[in-house]
Amino acid sequence: MDDENQGLWSKGSFVETTSPAETEKKMRTFHMKHDEEMDYNCKKCNVKISAHNKDWHDNMCDGCFNGTYFPDEESDTE
């Protein structure tokens, strides 16, 4: 694998495939803060989450997302 593509598979990466239509829809929330549009619930712990977390953090709060995908790293956000 060349150096340019190693970042996708390095420790600390989360990659999810989406269709072009789904990506276009999700881009609305890409630059939102983690406390905007708190209209959703974490799929693991049921705490309120933002539209950004719903679209970009696999429907999880930051704590559940980091614990699921980066369990070896200390999380400073919940």
Protein backbone atom coordinates (compact mmCIF):
# COMPACT_ATOMS: atom_id res chain seq x y z
CA MET A 1 0.00 0.00 0.00
CA ASP A 2 1.41 3.42 -0.88
CA ASP A 3 1.97 6.14 1.74
CA GLU A 4 -0.95 8.23 0.44
CA ASN A 5 -3.54 5.52 1.19
CA GLN A 6 -2.17 4.25 4.50
CA GLY A 7 -4.01 7.00 6.40
CA LEU A 8 -7.35 5.38 5.61
CA TRP A 9 -6.37 2.23 7.45
CA SER A 10 -4.20 3.69 10.20
CA LYS A 11 -5.09 3.55 13.87
CA GLY A 12 -7.53 6.33 14.68
CA SER A 13 -9.44 6.18 11.39
CA PHE A 14 -13.16 5.58 11.01
CA VAL A 15 -14.30 4.97 7.44
CA GLU A 16 -17.86 4.34 6.37
CA THR A 17 -19.17 3.82 2.85
CA THR A 18 -22.15 5.81 1.63
CA SER A 19 -23.88 6.27 -1.68
CA PRO A 20 -23.43 9.59 -3.49
CA ALA A 21 -27.03 10.56 -2.65
CA GLU A 22 -26.57 9.70 1.03
CA THR A 23 -23.28 11.61 1.19
CA GLU A 24 -24.88 14.68 -0.35
CA LYS A 25 -27.67 14.54 2.27
CA LYS A 26 -25.19 14.07 5.16
CA MET A 27 -22.96 16.98 4.07
CA ARG A 28 -25.51 19.39 5.56
CA THR A 29 -24.37 18.31 9.03
CA PHE A 30 -20.64 17.87 8.35
CA HIS A 31 -19.54 21.22 9.82
CA MET A 32 -22.14 21.33 12.59
CA LYS A 33 -21.02 21.38 16.20
CA HIS A 34 -21.68 18.43 18.46
CA ASP A 35 -24.39 20.38 20.28
CA GLU A 36 -26.47 21.54 17.30
CA GLU A 37 -29.84 19.95 16.41
CA MET A 38 -29.94 17.71 19.46
CA ASP A 39 -32.95 15.84 18.07
CA TYR A 40 -31.63 12.28 18.10
CA ASN A 41 -30.62 9.59 20.58
CA CYS A 42 -27.46 7.51 20.78
CA LYS A 43 -28.15 3.99 19.55
CA LYS A 44 -26.12 2.51 22.44
CA CYS A 45 -26.87 4.59 25.55
CA ASN A 46 -29.92 6.60 24.41
CA VAL A 47 -28.45 9.99 25.42
CA LYS A 48 -29.39 12.98 23.21
CA ILE A 49 -27.03 13.44 20.25
CA SER A 50 -26.65 16.01 17.51
CA ALA A 51 -27.45 15.71 13.84
CA HIS A 52 -23.67 15.65 13.23
CA ASN A 53 -23.22 12.61 15.48
CA LYS A 54 -26.19 10.89 13.85
CA ASP A 55 -24.70 11.32 10.39
CA TRP A 56 -20.95 11.09 11.06
CA HIS A 57 -20.52 9.10 14.29
CA ASP A 58 -22.62 6.04 13.46
CA ASN A 59 -25.68 7.29 15.41
CA MET A 60 -23.69 7.42 18.67
CA CYS A 61 -22.65 9.99 21.26
CA ASP A 62 -18.93 10.76 21.33
CA GLY A 63 -18.32 8.50 24.33
CA CYS A 64 -19.99 5.44 22.79
CA PHE A 65 -18.44 6.12 19.37
CA ASN A 66 -14.92 6.39 20.79
CA GLY A 67 -15.43 3.39 23.07
CA THR A 68 -16.68 1.30 20.15
CA TYR A 69 -14.18 2.25 17.45
CA PHE A 70 -11.18 3.46 19.50
CA PRO A 71 -11.30 1.46 22.76
CA ASP A 72 -7.55 1.69 23.34
CA GLU A 73 -7.57 5.49 23.26
CA GLU A 74 -8.61 7.61 26.21
CA SER A 75 -11.70 9.67 25.36
CA ASP A 76 -12.00 13.20 26.70
CA THR A 77 -15.48 13.80 25.26
CA GLU A 78 -18.80 12.30 26.19
